[in-house]
Amino acid sequence: MIRRLVVLAMLPSLIYMADPAQAGTLTVEPVEITEWKSVYGVVETRDRVPARARIGGTIDALDVTEGDRVEADQQIAHVEDDKFAFQLDSIDAQLASLKAQLLTAQADRERGETLLDRGVITSQRMEQLRTNVDVIDGQIRSLDAERLVLEQRVSEGAVLSPQNGVVLSVPVARGSVINPGEAVAVIGGGGLFLRLALPERHAAALSTGDEIVMGAGEEDRRTGRLVKLYPQIEEGRVIADVEVDGLDGRYIGRRMPVRLPIGTRQAILVPAAALTTRSGLDSVTVEAADGPVTRVVVPGAAVQHDGAPWREILTGLAAGDRVVIPDD
């Protein structure tokens, strides 16, 4: 008996009389099906922008940590440079001195105008008094402008968020010394997408707008759309971005199973209900010239076709065969 089973399993097909219960027939023809490539996609934010310090100094305030939500232009840290305070004090002292000199110069000018009317001083001396007032006034305006520049630099100690989003990383701590342009935090925003890295042999089969399927099973199946293919191949892989509605953004960098269309091929399909299994052998009922017979087949993977589950038949059926679909 064991020998007979082994011989039957090695045959490409086996024919014997079928169960008479049947509901209808289906003439099988090659159907074009899509081949899918299973990969993993990584959840990424569309924009990943560092929030940089505009001045160098010491971080005296750090208001965010990883995972915090921030708004554009929100202060997330503050950098302090003690030199600015000393420079402001120096300018204030110079301004106080010049303002005192200005008062004296203005008083001298007023007395000079009275003496000029009396003919006590010359016009040349009067011009010198007026010029002295203008020079001191100009020095005061120059120091005021310099002070405004320093105040602006002090205000630039506030590190602002460049966009709405979530804080992905904070590579510094309070008390850290940083240089101008150094990143205090990295902000992710602009929405979410899946980033894929595919073998370069599939590059020619992909195009913008292709549908992708997410999820390992039909119960969690979702679809997305390929929105961008990067022209540069890195380490033998093509980088692609996929847009998916309702993507969970709680964990950036999370890996998710994805299936991509990489080509099409011809296959013979039968409804899943047409397959029966007996003694470890899969078979279908086929209408022959002398009546229904059961033929052993080798099924392949399950395929969704016309909204119903079908099974691909690798061997045992040919185009034109009429398969009997048993009554449920």
C-alpha atoms as a PDB file:
ATOM      1  CA  MET A   1       0.000   0.000   0.000  1.00  0.00           C
ATOM      2  CA  ILE A   2       2.831   2.424   0.868  1.00  0.00           C
ATOM      3  CA  ARG A   3       4.544   1.677  -2.438  1.00  0.00           C
ATOM      4  CA  ARG A   4       1.338   2.449  -4.342  1.00  0.00           C
ATOM      5  CA  LEU A   5       0.967   5.811  -2.585  1.00  0.00           C
ATOM      6  CA  VAL A   6       4.551   6.783  -3.449  1.00  0.00           C
ATOM      7  CA  VAL A   7       4.011   5.883  -7.106  1.00  0.00           C
ATOM      8  CA  LEU A   8       0.791   7.878  -7.230  1.00  0.00           C
ATOM      9  CA  ALA A   9       2.446  10.931  -5.679  1.00  0.00           C
ATOM     10  CA  MET A  10       5.163  10.878  -8.360  1.00  0.00           C
ATOM     11  CA  LEU A  11       2.705  10.900 -11.220  1.00  0.00           C
ATOM     12  CA  PRO A  12       1.972  14.328 -12.794  1.00  0.00           C
ATOM     13  CA  SER A  13      -1.721  13.514 -12.656  1.00  0.00           C
ATOM     14  CA  LEU A  14      -4.010  10.738 -11.457  1.00  0.00           C
ATOM     15  CA  ILE A  15      -7.518  10.074 -12.811  1.00  0.00           C
ATOM     16  CA  TYR A  16     -10.277   8.116 -11.070  1.00  0.00           C
ATOM     17  CA  MET A  17     -14.075   8.313 -10.783  1.00  0.00           C
ATOM     18  CA  ALA A  18     -15.351  11.422  -8.935  1.00  0.00           C
ATOM     19  CA  ASP A  19     -18.050  12.127  -6.406  1.00  0.00           C
ATOM     20  CA  PRO A  20     -21.251  12.812  -8.345  1.00  0.00           C
ATOM     21  CA  ALA A  21     -22.278  15.744  -6.084  1.00  0.00           C
ATOM     22  CA  GLN A  22     -21.586  18.915  -8.035  1.00  0.00           C
ATOM     23  CA  ALA A  23     -22.942  22.459  -8.442  1.00  0.00           C
ATOM     24  CA  GLY A  24     -21.392  23.668 -11.705  1.00  0.00           C
ATOM     25  CA  THR A  25     -18.340  23.706 -13.929  1.00  0.00           C
ATOM     26  CA  LEU A  26     -15.596  26.197 -14.715  1.00  0.00           C
ATOM     27  CA  THR A  27     -13.442  26.162 -17.832  1.00  0.00           C
ATOM     28  CA  VAL A  28      -9.950  27.094 -16.677  1.00  0.00           C
ATOM     29  CA  GLU A  29      -7.920  29.554 -18.711  1.00  0.00           C
ATOM     30  CA  PRO A  30      -4.586  31.245 -17.941  1.00  0.00           C
ATOM     31  CA  VAL A  31      -5.130  34.404 -15.907  1.00  0.00           C
ATOM     32  CA  GLU A  32      -2.662  37.248 -15.528  1.00  0.00           C
ATOM     33  CA  ILE A  33      -1.787  37.680 -11.864  1.00  0.00           C
ATOM     34  CA  THR A  34       0.492  40.131 -10.115  1.00  0.00           C
ATOM     35  CA  GLU A  35       3.664  38.944  -8.467  1.00  0.00           C
ATOM     36  CA  TRP A  36       4.341  40.539  -5.096  1.00  0.00           C
ATOM     37  CA  LYS A  37       7.578  41.129  -3.240  1.00  0.00           C
ATOM     38  CA  SER A  38       7.402  41.023   0.566  1.00  0.00           C
ATOM     39  CA  VAL A  39       9.619  43.597   2.293  1.00  0.00           C
ATOM     40  CA  TYR A  40       9.592  45.715   5.418  1.00  0.00           C
ATOM     41  CA  GLY A  41       8.887  49.435   5.394  1.00  0.00           C
ATOM     42  CA  VAL A  42      10.069  51.872   8.044  1.00  0.00           C
ATOM     43  CA  VAL A  43       7.740  54.575   9.384  1.00  0.00           C
ATOM     44  CA  GLU A  44       9.374  57.972   8.804  1.00  0.00           C
ATOM     45  CA  THR A  45       8.342  61.614   9.024  1.00  0.00           C
ATOM     46  CA  ARG A  46       8.326  63.580   5.781  1.00  0.00           C
ATOM     47  CA  ASP A  47      10.594  66.255   7.265  1.00  0.00           C
ATOM     48  CA  ARG A  48      13.351  65.762   9.799  1.00  0.00           C
ATOM     49  CA  VAL A  49      14.734  69.199  10.647  1.00  0.00           C
ATOM     50  CA  PRO A  50      17.261  70.002  13.381  1.00  0.00           C
ATOM     51  CA  ALA A  51      16.577  72.902  15.737  1.00  0.00           C
ATOM     52  CA  ARG A  52      19.964  74.635  15.831  1.00  0.00           C
ATOM     53  CA  ALA A  53      21.536  77.103  18.215  1.00  0.00           C
ATOM     54  CA  ARG A  54      22.124  80.504  16.640  1.00  0.00           C
ATOM     55  CA  ILE A  55      24.819  81.538  19.117  1.00  0.00           C
ATOM     56  CA  GLY A  56      27.461  79.694  21.059  1.00  0.00           C
ATOM     57  CA  GLY A  57      27.356  79.363  24.806  1.00  0.00           C
ATOM     58  CA  THR A  58      25.943  77.241  27.601  1.00  0.00           C
ATOM     59  CA  ILE A  59      22.452  75.708  27.575  1.00  0.00           C
ATOM     60  CA  ASP A  60      20.784  77.107  30.684  1.00  0.00           C
ATOM     61  CA  ALA A  61      17.263  75.869  29.843  1.00  0.00           C
ATOM     62  CA  LEU A  62      16.056  72.751  28.019  1.00  0.00           C
ATOM     63  CA  ASP A  63      12.271  72.517  27.794  1.00  0.00           C
ATOM     64  CA  VAL A  64      11.667  69.387  25.679  1.00  0.00           C
ATOM     65  CA  THR A  65      12.524  65.716  25.589  1.00  0.00           C
ATOM     66  CA  GLU A  66      12.025  62.888  23.100  1.00  0.00           C
ATOM     67  CA  GLY A  67       8.385  62.374  22.151  1.00  0.00           C
ATOM     68  CA  ASP A  68       7.163  65.879  23.007  1.00  0.00           C
ATOM     69  CA  ARG A  69       4.860  67.646  20.558  1.00  0.00           C
ATOM     70  CA  VAL A  70       5.999  71.147  19.599  1.00  0.00           C
ATOM     71  CA  GLU A  71       4.676  74.021  17.515  1.00  0.00           C
ATOM     72  CA  ALA A  72       6.565  76.097  14.979  1.00  0.00           C
ATOM     73  CA  ASP A  73       8.615  78.908  16.615  1.00  0.00           C
ATOM     74  CA  GLN A  74       8.078  77.432  20.077  1.00  0.00           C
ATOM     75  CA  GLN A  75      11.085  77.916  22.373  1.00  0.00           C
ATOM     76  CA  ILE A  76      12.560  74.543  23.218  1.00  0.00           C
ATOM     77  CA  ALA A  77      15.850  75.637  24.819  1.00  0.00           C
ATOM     78  CA  HIS A  78      17.907  78.691  25.721  1.00  0.00           C
ATOM     79  CA  VAL A  79      21.618  79.358  25.244  1.00  0.00           C
ATOM     80  CA  GLU A  80      23.387  81.929  27.399  1.00  0.00           C
ATOM     81  CA  ASP A  81      26.716  83.653  26.725  1.00  0.00           C
ATOM     82  CA  ASP A  82      28.051  85.668  29.690  1.00  0.00           C
ATOM     83  CA  LYS A  83      30.192  87.832  27.393  1.00  0.00           C
ATOM     84  CA  PHE A  84      27.093  89.563  26.074  1.00  0.00           C
ATOM     85  CA  ALA A  85      26.158  90.782  29.561  1.00  0.00           C
ATOM     86  CA  PHE A  86      29.639  92.262  30.050  1.00  0.00           C
ATOM     87  CA  GLN A  87      29.483  93.960  26.643  1.00  0.00           C
ATOM     88  CA  LEU A  88      26.071  95.434  27.439  1.00  0.00           C
ATOM     89  CA  ASP A  89      27.381  96.809  30.734  1.00  0.00           C
ATOM     90  CA  SER A  90      30.330  98.371  28.903  1.00  0.00           C
ATOM     91  CA  ILE A  91      28.060 100.031  26.343  1.00  0.00           C
ATOM     92  CA  ASP A  92      25.750 101.326  29.074  1.00  0.00           C
ATOM     93  CA  ALA A  93      28.718 102.913  30.854  1.00  0.00           C
ATOM     94  CA  GLN A  94      29.901 104.553  27.631  1.00  0.00           C
ATOM     95  CA  LEU A  95      26.400 105.834  26.930  1.00  0.00           C
ATOM     96  CA  ALA A  96      26.147 107.358  30.397  1.00  0.00           C
ATOM     97  CA  SER A  97      29.475 109.131  29.888  1.00  0.00           C
ATOM     98  CA  LEU A  98      28.565 110.426  26.445  1.00  0.00           C
ATOM     99  CA  LYS A  99      25.174 111.666  27.591  1.00  0.00           C
ATOM    100  CA  ALA A 100      26.870 113.665  30.333  1.00  0.00           C
ATOM    101  CA  GLN A 101      29.298 115.092  27.768  1.00  0.00           C
ATOM    102  CA  LEU A 102      26.352 115.915  25.507  1.00  0.00           C
ATOM    103  CA  LEU A 103      24.665 117.942  28.221  1.00  0.00           C
ATOM    104  CA  THR A 104      27.865 119.938  28.764  1.00  0.00           C
ATOM    105  CA  ALA A 105      28.360 120.435  25.020  1.00  0.00           C
ATOM    106  CA  GLN A 106      24.775 121.630  24.598  1.00  0.00           C
ATOM    107  CA  ALA A 107      25.202 124.100  27.467  1.00  0.00           C
ATOM    108  CA  ASP A 108      28.431 125.401  25.886  1.00  0.00           C
ATOM    109  CA  ARG A 109      26.648 125.834  22.560  1.00  0.00           C
ATOM    110  CA  GLU A 110      23.827 127.811  24.148  1.00  0.00           C
ATOM    111  CA  ARG A 111      26.302 130.138  25.933  1.00  0.00           C
ATOM    112  CA  GLY A 112      28.257 130.470  22.718  1.00  0.00           C
ATOM    113  CA  GLU A 113      25.185 131.605  20.838  1.00  0.00           C
ATOM    114  CA  THR A 114      24.592 134.330  23.487  1.00  0.00           C
ATOM    115  CA  LEU A 115      28.213 135.450  23.327  1.00  0.00           C
ATOM    116  CA  LEU A 116      28.123 135.430  19.524  1.00  0.00           C
ATOM    117  CA  ASP A 117      25.195 137.828  19.562  1.00  0.00           C
ATOM    118  CA  ARG A 118      27.239 140.155  21.768  1.00  0.00           C
ATOM    119  CA  GLY A 119      30.282 139.788  19.534  1.00  0.00           C
ATOM    120  CA  VAL A 120      32.429 138.249  22.298  1.00  0.00           C
ATOM    121  CA  ILE A 121      33.357 135.063  20.338  1.00  0.00           C
ATOM    122  CA  THR A 122      33.972 134.453  16.694  1.00  0.00           C
ATOM    123  CA  SER A 123      31.794 132.507  14.292  1.00  0.00           C
ATOM    124  CA  GLN A 124      34.587 129.921  13.949  1.00  0.00           C
ATOM    125  CA  ARG A 125      34.487 129.193  17.676  1.00  0.00           C
ATOM    126  CA  MET A 126      30.696 128.881  17.480  1.00  0.00           C
ATOM    127  CA  GLU A 127      30.971 126.309  14.711  1.00  0.00           C
ATOM    128  CA  GLN A 128      33.344 124.292  16.866  1.00  0.00           C
ATOM    129  CA  LEU A 129      30.811 124.237  19.701  1.00  0.00           C
ATOM    130  CA  ARG A 130      28.021 123.099  17.373  1.00  0.00           C
ATOM    131  CA  THR A 131      30.238 120.427  15.808  1.00  0.00           C
ATOM    132  CA  ASN A 132      31.162 119.115  19.245  1.00  0.00           C
ATOM    133  CA  VAL A 133      27.470 118.583  20.045  1.00  0.00           C
ATOM    134  CA  ASP A 134      26.875 116.788  16.730  1.00  0.00           C
ATOM    135  CA  VAL A 135      29.903 114.508  17.244  1.00  0.00           C
ATOM    136  CA  ILE A 136      28.818 113.454  20.725  1.00  0.00           C
ATOM    137  CA  ASP A 137      25.234 112.919  19.525  1.00  0.00           C
ATOM    138  CA  GLY A 138      26.514 110.729  16.694  1.00  0.00           C
ATOM    139  CA  GLN A 139      28.591 108.646  19.122  1.00  0.00           C
ATOM    140  CA  ILE A 140      25.503 108.085  21.271  1.00  0.00           C
ATOM    141  CA  ARG A 141      23.448 106.922  18.245  1.00  0.00           C
ATOM    142  CA  SER A 142      26.266 104.571  17.238  1.00  0.00           C
ATOM    143  CA  LEU A 143      26.395 103.016  20.713  1.00  0.00           C
ATOM    144  CA  ASP A 144      22.582 102.722  20.756  1.00  0.00           C
ATOM    145  CA  ALA A 145      22.752 100.780  17.482  1.00  0.00           C
ATOM    146  CA  GLU A 146      25.536  98.597  18.846  1.00  0.00           C
ATOM    147  CA  ARG A 147      23.470  97.901  21.918  1.00  0.00           C
ATOM    148  CA  LEU A 148      20.506  96.868  19.747  1.00  0.00           C
ATOM    149  CA  VAL A 149      22.761  94.430  17.905  1.00  0.00           C
ATOM    150  CA  LEU A 150      23.866  92.907  21.200  1.00  0.00           C
ATOM    151  CA  GLU A 151      20.275  92.695  22.423  1.00  0.00           C
ATOM    152  CA  GLN A 152      19.357  90.894  19.214  1.00  0.00           C
ATOM    153  CA  ARG A 153      22.202  88.430  19.733  1.00  0.00           C
ATOM    154  CA  VAL A 154      21.059  87.844  23.307  1.00  0.00           C
ATOM    155  CA  SER A 155      17.522  87.142  22.039  1.00  0.00           C
ATOM    156  CA  GLU A 156      18.955  84.639  19.560  1.00  0.00           C
ATOM    157  CA  GLY A 157      19.918  82.528  22.542  1.00  0.00           C
ATOM    158  CA  ALA A 158      16.353  81.183  22.377  1.00  0.00           C
ATOM    159  CA  VAL A 159      16.353  77.944  20.349  1.00  0.00           C
ATOM    160  CA  LEU A 160      13.078  77.728  18.397  1.00  0.00           C
ATOM    161  CA  SER A 161      11.314  74.779  16.815  1.00  0.00           C
ATOM    162  CA  PRO A 162      11.535  75.046  13.001  1.00  0.00           C
ATOM    163  CA  GLN A 163       8.149  73.360  12.428  1.00  0.00           C
ATOM    164  CA  ASN A 164       5.149  71.642  13.978  1.00  0.00           C
ATOM    165  CA  GLY A 165       5.931  68.072  14.883  1.00  0.00           C
ATOM    166  CA  VAL A 166       7.385  65.671  17.400  1.00  0.00           C
ATOM    167  CA  VAL A 167      10.806  65.759  19.056  1.00  0.00           C
ATOM    168  CA  LEU A 168      12.716  62.737  17.738  1.00  0.00           C
ATOM    169  CA  SER A 169      16.017  63.220  19.543  1.00  0.00           C
ATOM    170  CA  VAL A 170      17.719  65.604  21.968  1.00  0.00           C
ATOM    171  CA  PRO A 171      21.500  65.067  21.729  1.00  0.00           C
ATOM    172  CA  VAL A 172      22.366  67.678  24.400  1.00  0.00           C
ATOM    173  CA  ALA A 173      21.651  68.261  28.077  1.00  0.00           C
ATOM    174  CA  ARG A 174      21.219  71.278  30.289  1.00  0.00           C
ATOM    175  CA  GLY A 175      24.630  72.762  31.023  1.00  0.00           C
ATOM    176  CA  SER A 176      26.145  71.565  27.734  1.00  0.00           C
ATOM    177  CA  VAL A 177      28.426  73.953  25.877  1.00  0.00           C
ATOM    178  CA  ILE A 178      27.555  74.230  22.184  1.00  0.00           C
ATOM    179  CA  ASN A 179      28.763  76.161  19.149  1.00  0.00           C
ATOM    180  CA  PRO A 180      26.668  78.239  16.736  1.00  0.00           C
ATOM    181  CA  GLY A 181      24.778  75.997  14.312  1.00  0.00           C
ATOM    182  CA  GLU A 182      24.928  72.914  16.522  1.00  0.00           C
ATOM    183  CA  ALA A 183      21.689  70.884  16.761  1.00  0.00           C
ATOM    184  CA  VAL A 184      19.863  71.024  20.088  1.00  0.00           C
ATOM    185  CA  ALA A 185      16.972  68.763  18.995  1.00  0.00           C
ATOM    186  CA  VAL A 186      15.666  67.053  15.855  1.00  0.00           C
ATOM    187  CA  ILE A 187      12.029  67.732  14.965  1.00  0.00           C
ATOM    188  CA  GLY A 188      10.025  65.388  12.752  1.00  0.00           C
ATOM    189  CA  GLY A 189       6.944  66.750  11.004  1.00  0.00           C
ATOM    190  CA  GLY A 190       5.064  67.139   7.743  1.00  0.00           C
ATOM    191  CA  GLY A 191       3.148  63.870   8.041  1.00  0.00           C
ATOM    192  CA  LEU A 192       4.174  60.222   7.868  1.00  0.00           C
ATOM    193  CA  PHE A 193       5.163  57.768   5.149  1.00  0.00           C
ATOM    194  CA  LEU A 194       6.775  54.364   4.757  1.00  0.00           C
ATOM    195  CA  ARG A 195      10.335  54.226   3.459  1.00  0.00           C
ATOM    196  CA  LEU A 196      11.343  51.050   1.636  1.00  0.00           C
ATOM    197  CA  ALA A 197      14.721  49.686   0.579  1.00  0.00           C
ATOM    198  CA  LEU A 198      14.293  47.223  -2.301  1.00  0.00           C
ATOM    199  CA  PRO A 199      16.822  45.095  -4.201  1.00  0.00           C
ATOM    200  CA  GLU A 200      17.929  46.934  -7.331  1.00  0.00           C
ATOM    201  CA  ARG A 201      16.802  44.089  -9.612  1.00  0.00           C
ATOM    202  CA  HIS A 202      13.217  45.242  -8.970  1.00  0.00           C
ATOM    203  CA  ALA A 203      13.882  48.876  -9.897  1.00  0.00           C
ATOM    204  CA  ALA A 204      12.605  48.548 -13.487  1.00  0.00           C
ATOM    205  CA  ALA A 205       9.317  46.997 -12.302  1.00  0.00           C
ATOM    206  CA  LEU A 206       8.413  49.895 -10.007  1.00  0.00           C
ATOM    207  CA  SER A 207       6.829  53.193 -10.936  1.00  0.00           C
ATOM    208  CA  THR A 208       5.229  56.116  -9.125  1.00  0.00           C
ATOM    209  CA  GLY A 209       1.569  55.454  -8.366  1.00  0.00           C
ATOM    210  CA  ASP A 210       1.889  51.680  -7.911  1.00  0.00           C
ATOM    211  CA  GLU A 211      -0.371  50.196  -5.245  1.00  0.00           C
ATOM    212  CA  ILE A 212       1.258  48.488  -2.304  1.00  0.00           C
ATOM    213  CA  VAL A 213      -0.348  46.170   0.240  1.00  0.00           C
ATOM    214  CA  MET A 214       0.361  46.396   3.950  1.00  0.00           C
ATOM    215  CA  GLY A 215      -0.157  43.707   6.572  1.00  0.00           C
ATOM    216  CA  ALA A 216       0.839  40.084   6.920  1.00  0.00           C
ATOM    217  CA  GLY A 217      -2.707  38.735   6.505  1.00  0.00           C
ATOM    218  CA  GLU A 218      -6.051  39.583   4.958  1.00  0.00           C
ATOM    219  CA  GLU A 219      -7.515  40.626   8.314  1.00  0.00           C
ATOM    220  CA  ASP A 220      -5.153  43.602   8.635  1.00  0.00           C
ATOM    221  CA  ARG A 221      -4.761  44.320   4.907  1.00  0.00           C
ATOM    222  CA  ARG A 222      -4.399  47.981   3.927  1.00  0.00           C
ATOM    223  CA  THR A 223      -3.267  49.615   0.729  1.00  0.00           C
ATOM    224  CA  GLY A 224      -0.982  52.533  -0.012  1.00  0.00           C
ATOM    225  CA  ARG A 225       0.540  54.298  -2.990  1.00  0.00           C
ATOM    226  CA  LEU A 226       4.136  54.586  -4.149  1.00  0.00           C
ATOM    227  CA  VAL A 227       4.766  58.341  -4.282  1.00  0.00           C
ATOM    228  CA  LYS A 228       8.515  58.651  -4.799  1.00  0.00           C
ATOM    229  CA  LEU A 229      11.415  56.625  -6.184  1.00  0.00           C
ATOM    230  CA  TYR A 230      14.858  57.994  -5.379  1.00  0.00           C
ATOM    231  CA  PRO A 231      17.204  57.992  -8.393  1.00  0.00           C
ATOM    232  CA  GLN A 232      20.319  57.058  -6.436  1.00  0.00           C
ATOM    233  CA  ILE A 233      20.819  53.378  -5.643  1.00  0.00           C
ATOM    234  CA  GLU A 234      22.580  52.857  -2.313  1.00  0.00           C
ATOM    235  CA  GLU A 235      24.351  49.585  -1.517  1.00  0.00           C
ATOM    236  CA  GLY A 236      22.402  47.740  -4.179  1.00  0.00           C
ATOM    237  CA  ARG A 237      19.001  48.940  -2.986  1.00  0.00           C
ATOM    238  CA  VAL A 238      16.385  51.303  -4.392  1.00  0.00           C
ATOM    239  CA  ILE A 239      14.871  53.722  -1.886  1.00  0.00           C
ATOM    240  CA  ALA A 240      11.141  54.385  -2.237  1.00  0.00           C
ATOM    241  CA  ASP A 241       8.501  56.298  -0.262  1.00  0.00           C
ATOM    242  CA  VAL A 242       4.964  54.991   0.180  1.00  0.00           C
ATOM    243  CA  GLU A 243       1.988  57.076   1.272  1.00  0.00           C
ATOM    244  CA  VAL A 244      -0.512  55.295   3.538  1.00  0.00           C
ATOM    245  CA  ASP A 245      -3.620  56.842   5.098  1.00  0.00           C
ATOM    246  CA  GLY A 246      -4.014  56.503   8.861  1.00  0.00           C
ATOM    247  CA  LEU A 247      -0.430  55.460   9.507  1.00  0.00           C
ATOM    248  CA  ASP A 248       0.340  55.143  13.218  1.00  0.00           C
ATOM    249  CA  GLY A 249       3.002  57.705  14.109  1.00  0.00           C
ATOM    250  CA  ARG A 250       3.559  56.850  17.760  1.00  0.00           C
ATOM    251  CA  TYR A 251       6.863  55.148  16.961  1.00  0.00           C
ATOM    252  CA  ILE A 252       9.069  56.609  14.264  1.00  0.00           C
ATOM    253  CA  GLY A 253      11.331  53.940  12.789  1.00  0.00           C
ATOM    254  CA  ARG A 254       8.823  51.115  13.333  1.00  0.00           C
ATOM    255  CA  ARG A 255       9.096  48.319  10.751  1.00  0.00           C
ATOM    256  CA  MET A 256       5.919  47.149   9.008  1.00  0.00           C
ATOM    257  CA  PRO A 257       5.376  44.301   6.499  1.00  0.00           C
ATOM    258  CA  VAL A 258       4.674  45.501   2.961  1.00  0.00           C
ATOM    259  CA  ARG A 259       4.061  43.766  -0.372  1.00  0.00           C
ATOM    260  CA  LEU A 260       4.978  45.490  -3.641  1.00  0.00           C
ATOM    261  CA  PRO A 261       3.993  44.551  -7.219  1.00  0.00           C
ATOM    262  CA  ILE A 262       7.121  43.570  -9.138  1.00  0.00           C
ATOM    263  CA  GLY A 263       5.605  42.015 -12.284  1.00  0.00           C
ATOM    264  CA  THR A 264       2.869  39.865 -13.777  1.00  0.00           C
ATOM    265  CA  ARG A 265       2.666  36.285 -15.037  1.00  0.00           C
ATOM    266  CA  GLN A 266       0.153  33.780 -16.397  1.00  0.00           C
ATOM    267  CA  ALA A 267      -1.342  31.254 -13.986  1.00  0.00           C
ATOM    268  CA  ILE A 268      -4.180  28.734 -13.860  1.00  0.00           C
ATOM    269  CA  LEU A 269      -6.579  29.404 -11.005  1.00  0.00           C
ATOM    270  CA  VAL A 270      -9.472  27.446  -9.534  1.00  0.00           C
ATOM    271  CA  PRO A 271     -11.832  28.427  -6.714  1.00  0.00           C
ATOM    272  CA  ALA A 272     -10.612  27.281  -3.335  1.00  0.00           C
ATOM    273  CA  ALA A 273     -13.821  25.251  -2.934  1.00  0.00           C
ATOM    274  CA  ALA A 274     -12.893  23.118  -5.973  1.00  0.00           C
ATOM    275  CA  LEU A 275      -9.924  21.573  -4.136  1.00  0.00           C
ATOM    276  CA  THR A 276     -10.279  18.492  -1.962  1.00  0.00           C
ATOM    277  CA  THR A 277      -7.607  16.680   0.045  1.00  0.00           C
ATOM    278  CA  ARG A 278      -7.604  12.906   0.431  1.00  0.00           C
ATOM    279  CA  SER A 279      -4.793  10.844   1.894  1.00  0.00           C
ATOM    280  CA  GLY A 280      -2.480  13.831   1.723  1.00  0.00           C
ATOM    281  CA  LEU A 281      -3.156  14.427  -1.995  1.00  0.00           C
ATOM    282  CA  ASP A 282      -4.892  17.518  -3.403  1.00  0.00           C
ATOM    283  CA  SER A 283      -7.296  16.959  -6.241  1.00  0.00           C
ATOM    284  CA  VAL A 284     -10.003  18.583  -8.346  1.00  0.00           C
ATOM    285  CA  THR A 285     -12.926  17.085 -10.251  1.00  0.00           C
ATOM    286  CA  VAL A 286     -12.690  17.480 -14.035  1.00  0.00           C
ATOM    287  CA  GLU A 287     -15.368  16.703 -16.629  1.00  0.00           C
ATOM    288  CA  ALA A 288     -13.975  14.229 -19.150  1.00  0.00           C
ATOM    289  CA  ALA A 289     -15.525  12.654 -22.248  1.00  0.00           C
ATOM    290  CA  ASP A 290     -16.730   9.631 -20.268  1.00  0.00           C
ATOM    291  CA  GLY A 291     -17.878  11.568 -17.169  1.00  0.00           C
ATOM    292  CA  PRO A 292     -16.449  13.376 -14.140  1.00  0.00           C
ATOM    293  CA  VAL A 293     -13.041  12.193 -12.927  1.00  0.00           C
ATOM    294  CA  THR A 294     -10.802  13.315 -10.084  1.00  0.00           C
ATOM    295  CA  ARG A 295      -7.352  14.557 -10.993  1.00  0.00           C
ATOM    296  CA  VAL A 296      -4.451  14.981  -8.579  1.00  0.00           C
ATOM    297  CA  VAL A 297      -2.935  18.471  -8.756  1.00  0.00           C
ATOM    298  CA  VAL A 298      -0.162  20.429  -7.103  1.00  0.00           C
ATOM    299  CA  PRO A 299      -1.640  23.670  -5.738  1.00  0.00           C
ATOM    300  CA  GLY A 300       0.292  26.836  -5.192  1.00  0.00           C
ATOM    301  CA  ALA A 301      -0.372  29.867  -3.032  1.00  0.00           C
ATOM    302  CA  ALA A 302      -3.787  31.362  -2.346  1.00  0.00           C
ATOM    303  CA  VAL A 303      -4.686  34.266  -4.653  1.00  0.00           C
ATOM    304  CA  GLN A 304      -7.372  36.924  -4.345  1.00  0.00           C
ATOM    305  CA  HIS A 305      -9.167  37.133  -7.695  1.00  0.00           C
ATOM    306  CA  ASP A 306     -12.435  38.965  -8.407  1.00  0.00           C
ATOM    307  CA  GLY A 307     -12.871  39.485  -4.658  1.00  0.00           C
ATOM    308  CA  ALA A 308     -12.834  35.758  -3.843  1.00  0.00           C
ATOM    309  CA  PRO A 309     -10.155  33.298  -2.680  1.00  0.00           C
ATOM    310  CA  TRP A 310      -8.649  31.189  -5.474  1.00  0.00           C
ATOM    311  CA  ARG A 311      -5.795  28.703  -5.574  1.00  0.00           C
ATOM    312  CA  GLU A 312      -3.101  28.587  -8.210  1.00  0.00           C
ATOM    313  CA  ILE A 313      -2.573  25.163  -9.794  1.00  0.00           C
ATOM    314  CA  LEU A 314       1.075  24.514 -10.582  1.00  0.00           C
ATOM    315  CA  THR A 315       0.654  21.109 -12.299  1.00  0.00           C
ATOM    316  CA  GLY A 316      -2.229  18.791 -13.081  1.00  0.00           C
ATOM    317  CA  LEU A 317      -4.489  21.122 -15.084  1.00  0.00           C
ATOM    318  CA  ALA A 318      -4.250  22.668 -18.526  1.00  0.00           C
ATOM    319  CA  ALA A 319      -6.069  25.459 -20.311  1.00  0.00           C
ATOM    320  CA  GLY A 320      -9.493  24.296 -21.475  1.00  0.00           C
ATOM    321  CA  ASP A 321     -10.092  21.770 -18.679  1.00  0.00           C
ATOM    322  CA  ARG A 322     -13.587  21.959 -17.178  1.00  0.00           C
ATOM    323  CA  VAL A 323     -13.350  21.857 -13.400  1.00  0.00           C
ATOM    324  CA  VAL A 324     -16.355  20.781 -11.382  1.00  0.00           C
ATOM    325  CA  ILE A 325     -17.080  22.945  -8.338  1.00  0.00           C
ATOM    326  CA  PRO A 326     -18.716  20.769  -5.622  1.00  0.00           C
ATOM    327  CA  ASP A 327     -21.795  21.960  -3.805  1.00  0.00           C
ATOM    328  CA  ASP A 328     -20.977  23.425  -0.365  1.00  0.00           C
END
